[in-house]
N, C-alpha and C. Protein backbone atom coordinates (compact mmCIF):
# COMPACT_ATOMS: atom_id res chain seq x y z
N MET A 1 15.24 -1.55 -4.69
CA MET A 1 14.37 -2.55 -5.26
C MET A 1 13.59 -1.93 -6.41
N GLU A 2 13.66 -2.55 -7.55
CA GLU A 2 12.96 -2.07 -8.74
C GLU A 2 11.49 -2.45 -8.66
N THR A 3 10.62 -1.50 -8.98
CA THR A 3 9.19 -1.79 -9.00
C THR A 3 8.74 -2.05 -10.42
N LYS A 4 7.71 -2.88 -10.54
CA LYS A 4 7.18 -3.23 -11.86
C LYS A 4 5.88 -2.49 -12.15
N HIS A 5 5.31 -1.86 -11.13
CA HIS A 5 4.03 -1.17 -11.32
C HIS A 5 4.24 0.22 -11.91
N THR A 6 3.15 0.80 -12.34
CA THR A 6 3.19 2.17 -12.84
C THR A 6 3.59 3.10 -11.70
N PRO A 7 4.56 3.96 -11.93
CA PRO A 7 5.00 4.84 -10.85
C PRO A 7 3.89 5.79 -10.38
N SER A 8 3.98 6.20 -9.13
CA SER A 8 3.02 7.17 -8.61
C SER A 8 3.38 8.55 -9.13
N PRO A 9 2.51 9.52 -9.03
CA PRO A 9 1.22 9.44 -8.34
C PRO A 9 0.13 8.86 -9.23
N TRP A 10 -0.84 8.25 -8.59
CA TRP A 10 -2.04 7.78 -9.26
C TRP A 10 -3.18 8.66 -8.80
N PHE A 11 -4.20 8.76 -9.63
CA PHE A 11 -5.36 9.59 -9.31
C PHE A 11 -6.63 8.80 -9.55
N ALA A 12 -7.62 8.94 -8.65
CA ALA A 12 -8.95 8.37 -8.84
C ALA A 12 -9.79 9.45 -9.51
N VAL A 13 -10.32 9.14 -10.70
CA VAL A 13 -11.08 10.13 -11.46
C VAL A 13 -12.38 9.53 -11.98
N ASP A 14 -13.31 10.39 -12.29
CA ASP A 14 -14.60 9.97 -12.83
C ASP A 14 -14.64 10.36 -14.30
N TYR A 15 -14.74 9.37 -15.18
CA TYR A 15 -14.87 9.61 -16.62
C TYR A 15 -16.28 9.21 -17.03
N ALA A 16 -17.16 10.16 -17.10
CA ALA A 16 -18.54 9.94 -17.56
C ALA A 16 -19.19 8.76 -16.85
N GLY A 17 -19.04 8.72 -15.53
CA GLY A 17 -19.67 7.67 -14.75
C GLY A 17 -18.81 6.45 -14.50
N SER A 18 -17.69 6.34 -15.17
CA SER A 18 -16.75 5.24 -14.91
C SER A 18 -15.70 5.74 -13.94
N ILE A 19 -15.45 4.98 -12.89
CA ILE A 19 -14.42 5.34 -11.93
C ILE A 19 -13.11 4.76 -12.43
N CYS A 20 -12.12 5.60 -12.62
CA CYS A 20 -10.85 5.18 -13.21
C CYS A 20 -9.67 5.56 -12.33
N ILE A 21 -8.61 4.80 -12.47
CA ILE A 21 -7.33 5.13 -11.87
C ILE A 21 -6.41 5.47 -13.02
N GLN A 22 -5.78 6.63 -12.95
CA GLN A 22 -4.82 6.99 -13.99
C GLN A 22 -3.53 7.43 -13.33
N SER A 23 -2.45 7.39 -14.10
CA SER A 23 -1.13 7.65 -13.54
C SER A 23 -0.60 9.04 -13.83
N GLY A 24 -1.46 9.97 -14.11
CA GLY A 24 -1.00 11.32 -14.37
C GLY A 24 -2.16 12.28 -14.48
N PRO A 25 -1.87 13.54 -14.78
CA PRO A 25 -2.92 14.54 -14.90
C PRO A 25 -3.94 14.19 -15.97
N MET A 26 -5.09 14.82 -15.87
CA MET A 26 -6.18 14.57 -16.81
C MET A 26 -5.74 14.80 -18.25
N TYR A 27 -6.35 14.07 -19.15
CA TYR A 27 -6.21 14.24 -20.59
C TYR A 27 -4.83 13.88 -21.13
N GLU A 28 -4.06 13.15 -20.38
CA GLU A 28 -2.80 12.65 -20.91
C GLU A 28 -2.99 11.19 -21.25
N ASP A 29 -2.26 10.69 -22.22
CA ASP A 29 -2.33 9.30 -22.64
C ASP A 29 -1.47 8.47 -21.70
N LEU A 30 -2.05 8.07 -20.58
CA LEU A 30 -1.30 7.36 -19.54
C LEU A 30 -2.01 6.07 -19.19
N ASP A 31 -1.34 5.25 -18.38
CA ASP A 31 -1.96 4.01 -17.92
C ASP A 31 -3.29 4.33 -17.24
N LEU A 32 -4.30 3.54 -17.55
CA LEU A 32 -5.64 3.81 -17.05
C LEU A 32 -6.31 2.49 -16.70
N LEU A 33 -6.92 2.44 -15.53
CA LEU A 33 -7.69 1.29 -15.10
C LEU A 33 -9.08 1.79 -14.76
N CYS A 34 -10.10 1.26 -15.44
CA CYS A 34 -11.45 1.75 -15.21
C CYS A 34 -12.38 0.62 -14.78
N TYR A 35 -13.34 0.99 -13.98
CA TYR A 35 -14.46 0.10 -13.68
C TYR A 35 -15.66 0.70 -14.37
N ASP A 36 -16.30 -0.06 -15.23
CA ASP A 36 -17.46 0.44 -15.94
C ASP A 36 -18.51 -0.66 -15.96
N SER A 37 -19.69 -0.36 -15.43
CA SER A 37 -20.73 -1.37 -15.35
C SER A 37 -21.20 -1.84 -16.72
N ILE A 38 -20.95 -1.07 -17.77
CA ILE A 38 -21.33 -1.50 -19.11
C ILE A 38 -20.61 -2.80 -19.49
N PHE A 39 -19.37 -2.95 -19.03
CA PHE A 39 -18.57 -4.12 -19.38
C PHE A 39 -18.61 -5.20 -18.32
N SER A 40 -19.46 -5.09 -17.35
CA SER A 40 -19.50 -6.04 -16.25
C SER A 40 -20.72 -6.93 -16.34
N ASP A 41 -20.51 -8.23 -16.14
CA ASP A 41 -21.62 -9.18 -16.10
C ASP A 41 -22.20 -9.31 -14.71
N ILE A 42 -21.59 -8.67 -13.74
CA ILE A 42 -22.08 -8.75 -12.37
C ILE A 42 -22.70 -7.41 -11.98
N VAL A 43 -23.47 -7.45 -10.91
CA VAL A 43 -24.08 -6.23 -10.42
C VAL A 43 -22.96 -5.37 -9.83
N PRO A 44 -22.81 -4.15 -10.32
CA PRO A 44 -21.71 -3.33 -9.83
C PRO A 44 -21.95 -2.89 -8.39
N PRO A 45 -20.88 -2.69 -7.64
CA PRO A 45 -21.05 -2.14 -6.30
C PRO A 45 -21.56 -0.71 -6.41
N SER A 46 -21.95 -0.16 -5.29
CA SER A 46 -22.44 1.22 -5.30
C SER A 46 -21.32 2.16 -5.73
N LYS A 47 -21.72 3.34 -6.19
CA LYS A 47 -20.73 4.34 -6.61
C LYS A 47 -19.82 4.69 -5.43
N GLU A 48 -20.38 4.73 -4.24
CA GLU A 48 -19.60 5.05 -3.04
C GLU A 48 -18.49 4.01 -2.82
N VAL A 49 -18.83 2.72 -3.00
CA VAL A 49 -17.84 1.66 -2.82
C VAL A 49 -16.79 1.71 -3.93
N VAL A 50 -17.22 1.94 -5.15
CA VAL A 50 -16.28 2.03 -6.27
C VAL A 50 -15.31 3.19 -6.06
N GLU A 51 -15.84 4.33 -5.62
CA GLU A 51 -14.97 5.49 -5.37
C GLU A 51 -13.98 5.21 -4.24
N ALA A 52 -14.44 4.55 -3.19
CA ALA A 52 -13.55 4.22 -2.08
C ALA A 52 -12.45 3.26 -2.53
N ASN A 53 -12.82 2.27 -3.34
CA ASN A 53 -11.83 1.34 -3.88
C ASN A 53 -10.83 2.07 -4.77
N ALA A 54 -11.33 2.97 -5.59
CA ALA A 54 -10.46 3.72 -6.49
C ALA A 54 -9.48 4.58 -5.70
N LYS A 55 -9.94 5.23 -4.65
CA LYS A 55 -9.05 6.04 -3.82
C LYS A 55 -7.97 5.18 -3.18
N LEU A 56 -8.35 4.00 -2.70
CA LEU A 56 -7.37 3.09 -2.10
C LEU A 56 -6.33 2.65 -3.13
N MET A 57 -6.80 2.28 -4.32
CA MET A 57 -5.86 1.88 -5.38
C MET A 57 -4.96 3.04 -5.79
N ALA A 58 -5.52 4.23 -5.85
CA ALA A 58 -4.74 5.39 -6.26
C ALA A 58 -3.63 5.71 -5.26
N THR A 59 -3.83 5.39 -4.00
CA THR A 59 -2.81 5.67 -3.00
C THR A 59 -1.86 4.49 -2.77
N ALA A 60 -2.08 3.38 -3.47
CA ALA A 60 -1.26 2.18 -3.26
C ALA A 60 0.24 2.43 -3.40
N PRO A 61 0.72 3.14 -4.42
CA PRO A 61 2.16 3.36 -4.51
C PRO A 61 2.71 4.14 -3.31
N GLU A 62 1.97 5.14 -2.86
CA GLU A 62 2.42 5.92 -1.70
C GLU A 62 2.39 5.07 -0.43
N LEU A 63 1.36 4.24 -0.28
CA LEU A 63 1.29 3.35 0.88
C LEU A 63 2.44 2.36 0.89
N LEU A 64 2.79 1.83 -0.28
CA LEU A 64 3.90 0.90 -0.39
C LEU A 64 5.21 1.57 0.04
N GLU A 65 5.46 2.76 -0.46
CA GLU A 65 6.69 3.48 -0.09
C GLU A 65 6.70 3.81 1.40
N ALA A 66 5.57 4.23 1.94
CA ALA A 66 5.48 4.54 3.37
C ALA A 66 5.75 3.30 4.21
N LEU A 67 5.24 2.15 3.79
CA LEU A 67 5.46 0.91 4.53
C LEU A 67 6.94 0.51 4.48
N LYS A 68 7.58 0.69 3.34
CA LYS A 68 9.02 0.41 3.24
C LYS A 68 9.82 1.29 4.20
N ILE A 69 9.48 2.58 4.24
CA ILE A 69 10.17 3.52 5.13
C ILE A 69 9.93 3.13 6.59
N LEU A 70 8.68 2.83 6.92
CA LEU A 70 8.33 2.45 8.28
C LEU A 70 9.09 1.21 8.72
N LEU A 71 9.18 0.23 7.85
CA LEU A 71 9.90 -1.01 8.16
C LEU A 71 11.39 -0.74 8.37
N ARG A 72 11.97 0.09 7.50
CA ARG A 72 13.38 0.44 7.64
C ARG A 72 13.63 1.17 8.96
N GLU A 73 12.79 2.13 9.29
CA GLU A 73 12.96 2.90 10.52
C GLU A 73 12.70 2.04 11.76
N PHE A 74 11.78 1.10 11.66
CA PHE A 74 11.52 0.16 12.75
C PHE A 74 12.80 -0.63 13.05
N ASP A 75 13.42 -1.16 12.00
CA ASP A 75 14.66 -1.91 12.18
C ASP A 75 15.76 -1.04 12.78
N ASN A 76 15.87 0.21 12.31
CA ASN A 76 16.86 1.13 12.86
C ASN A 76 16.61 1.40 14.34
N LEU A 77 15.36 1.59 14.72
CA LEU A 77 15.01 1.84 16.11
C LEU A 77 15.34 0.64 16.99
N ILE A 78 14.96 -0.54 16.52
CA ILE A 78 15.25 -1.76 17.30
C ILE A 78 16.75 -1.92 17.48
N ASP A 79 17.51 -1.73 16.40
CA ASP A 79 18.97 -1.83 16.51
C ASP A 79 19.51 -0.85 17.55
N HIS A 80 19.01 0.37 17.52
CA HIS A 80 19.48 1.40 18.46
C HIS A 80 19.12 1.02 19.90
N VAL A 81 17.88 0.60 20.12
CA VAL A 81 17.42 0.24 21.46
C VAL A 81 18.21 -0.94 22.00
N VAL A 82 18.47 -1.93 21.16
CA VAL A 82 19.25 -3.10 21.58
C VAL A 82 20.70 -2.69 21.86
N ASP A 83 21.29 -1.89 20.96
CA ASP A 83 22.68 -1.44 21.16
C ASP A 83 22.85 -0.65 22.45
N MET A 84 21.83 0.12 22.82
CA MET A 84 21.90 0.93 24.04
C MET A 84 21.64 0.08 25.29
N GLY A 85 21.23 -1.17 25.10
CA GLY A 85 20.98 -2.06 26.23
C GLY A 85 19.63 -1.85 26.91
N PHE A 86 18.72 -1.13 26.25
CA PHE A 86 17.42 -0.87 26.85
C PHE A 86 16.50 -2.09 26.83
N ILE A 87 16.68 -2.94 25.83
CA ILE A 87 15.77 -4.08 25.68
C ILE A 87 16.49 -5.20 24.95
N ASP A 88 16.12 -6.41 25.32
CA ASP A 88 16.58 -7.58 24.59
C ASP A 88 15.43 -8.00 23.69
N PHE A 89 15.53 -7.65 22.43
CA PHE A 89 14.42 -7.90 21.50
C PHE A 89 14.16 -9.39 21.29
N GLU A 90 15.11 -10.22 21.68
CA GLU A 90 14.91 -11.67 21.58
C GLU A 90 14.05 -12.20 22.72
N ASP A 91 13.86 -11.40 23.77
CA ASP A 91 13.08 -11.82 24.93
C ASP A 91 11.60 -11.62 24.66
N GLU A 92 10.91 -12.69 24.26
CA GLU A 92 9.49 -12.59 23.90
C GLU A 92 8.58 -12.43 25.11
N SER A 93 9.15 -12.52 26.32
CA SER A 93 8.32 -12.32 27.51
C SER A 93 8.02 -10.84 27.73
N ILE A 94 8.76 -9.96 27.06
CA ILE A 94 8.52 -8.52 27.19
C ILE A 94 7.28 -8.15 26.39
N ASP A 95 6.36 -7.43 27.03
CA ASP A 95 5.11 -7.03 26.37
C ASP A 95 5.39 -6.34 25.04
N GLY A 96 4.72 -6.80 24.01
CA GLY A 96 4.79 -6.14 22.71
C GLY A 96 5.86 -6.66 21.77
N VAL A 97 6.85 -7.41 22.28
CA VAL A 97 7.92 -7.88 21.39
C VAL A 97 7.37 -8.82 20.33
N LYS A 98 6.58 -9.79 20.75
CA LYS A 98 6.02 -10.75 19.79
C LYS A 98 5.07 -10.04 18.82
N ASP A 99 4.26 -9.12 19.33
CA ASP A 99 3.34 -8.37 18.46
C ASP A 99 4.11 -7.54 17.44
N ALA A 100 5.19 -6.90 17.89
CA ALA A 100 6.01 -6.09 16.98
C ALA A 100 6.64 -6.96 15.91
N GLU A 101 7.13 -8.13 16.29
CA GLU A 101 7.73 -9.05 15.32
C GLU A 101 6.69 -9.55 14.32
N ASN A 102 5.48 -9.84 14.81
CA ASN A 102 4.40 -10.27 13.91
C ASN A 102 4.01 -9.16 12.94
N ALA A 103 3.93 -7.92 13.43
CA ALA A 103 3.61 -6.78 12.57
C ALA A 103 4.69 -6.59 11.51
N LYS A 104 5.95 -6.74 11.91
CA LYS A 104 7.06 -6.62 10.96
C LYS A 104 6.94 -7.68 9.87
N ASN A 105 6.65 -8.91 10.27
CA ASN A 105 6.52 -9.99 9.29
C ASN A 105 5.35 -9.76 8.34
N GLU A 106 4.25 -9.21 8.85
CA GLU A 106 3.11 -8.89 7.98
C GLU A 106 3.48 -7.79 6.98
N ALA A 107 4.26 -6.81 7.43
CA ALA A 107 4.71 -5.74 6.53
C ALA A 107 5.61 -6.30 5.44
N ILE A 108 6.54 -7.17 5.80
CA ILE A 108 7.42 -7.80 4.83
C ILE A 108 6.62 -8.60 3.82
N SER A 109 5.64 -9.35 4.30
CA SER A 109 4.79 -10.15 3.42
C SER A 109 4.00 -9.28 2.45
N ALA A 110 3.45 -8.17 2.94
CA ALA A 110 2.68 -7.26 2.09
C ALA A 110 3.57 -6.64 1.02
N ILE A 111 4.79 -6.26 1.38
CA ILE A 111 5.71 -5.69 0.41
C ILE A 111 6.05 -6.72 -0.66
N LYS A 112 6.28 -7.96 -0.26
CA LYS A 112 6.56 -9.02 -1.24
C LYS A 112 5.40 -9.22 -2.19
N LYS A 113 4.18 -9.24 -1.67
CA LYS A 113 3.00 -9.40 -2.53
C LYS A 113 2.92 -8.28 -3.56
N ALA A 114 3.27 -7.08 -3.14
CA ALA A 114 3.15 -5.92 -4.03
C ALA A 114 4.28 -5.82 -5.05
N THR A 115 5.43 -6.44 -4.76
CA THR A 115 6.60 -6.21 -5.60
C THR A 115 7.12 -7.43 -6.34
N GLU A 116 6.64 -8.59 -6.01
CA GLU A 116 7.17 -9.79 -6.70
C GLU A 116 6.21 -10.32 -7.73
């Protein structure tokens, strides 16, 4: 699946008080997303909140890839367990089957939001 976002790694950095996300090492001319209260008409969140948001955004590409791997391995595990006759994954009366299916659907939905 082709991604449209800037490839990882991303980094959360502080540029003279502005919290920025950049797609490469310092001082390179790369994609940059900054939050700067100078350009904001609203009261900025605290520096702690901005930094936490920046760290989350900076790890987004890695989280997306990890979720894709987890989903793939989940499907492989279910196929193996079903093939071995240990569980009938269609039997929703078994504890956790419905929760696992709901978690899988949430993962699929999150991946679609990030990639479409």
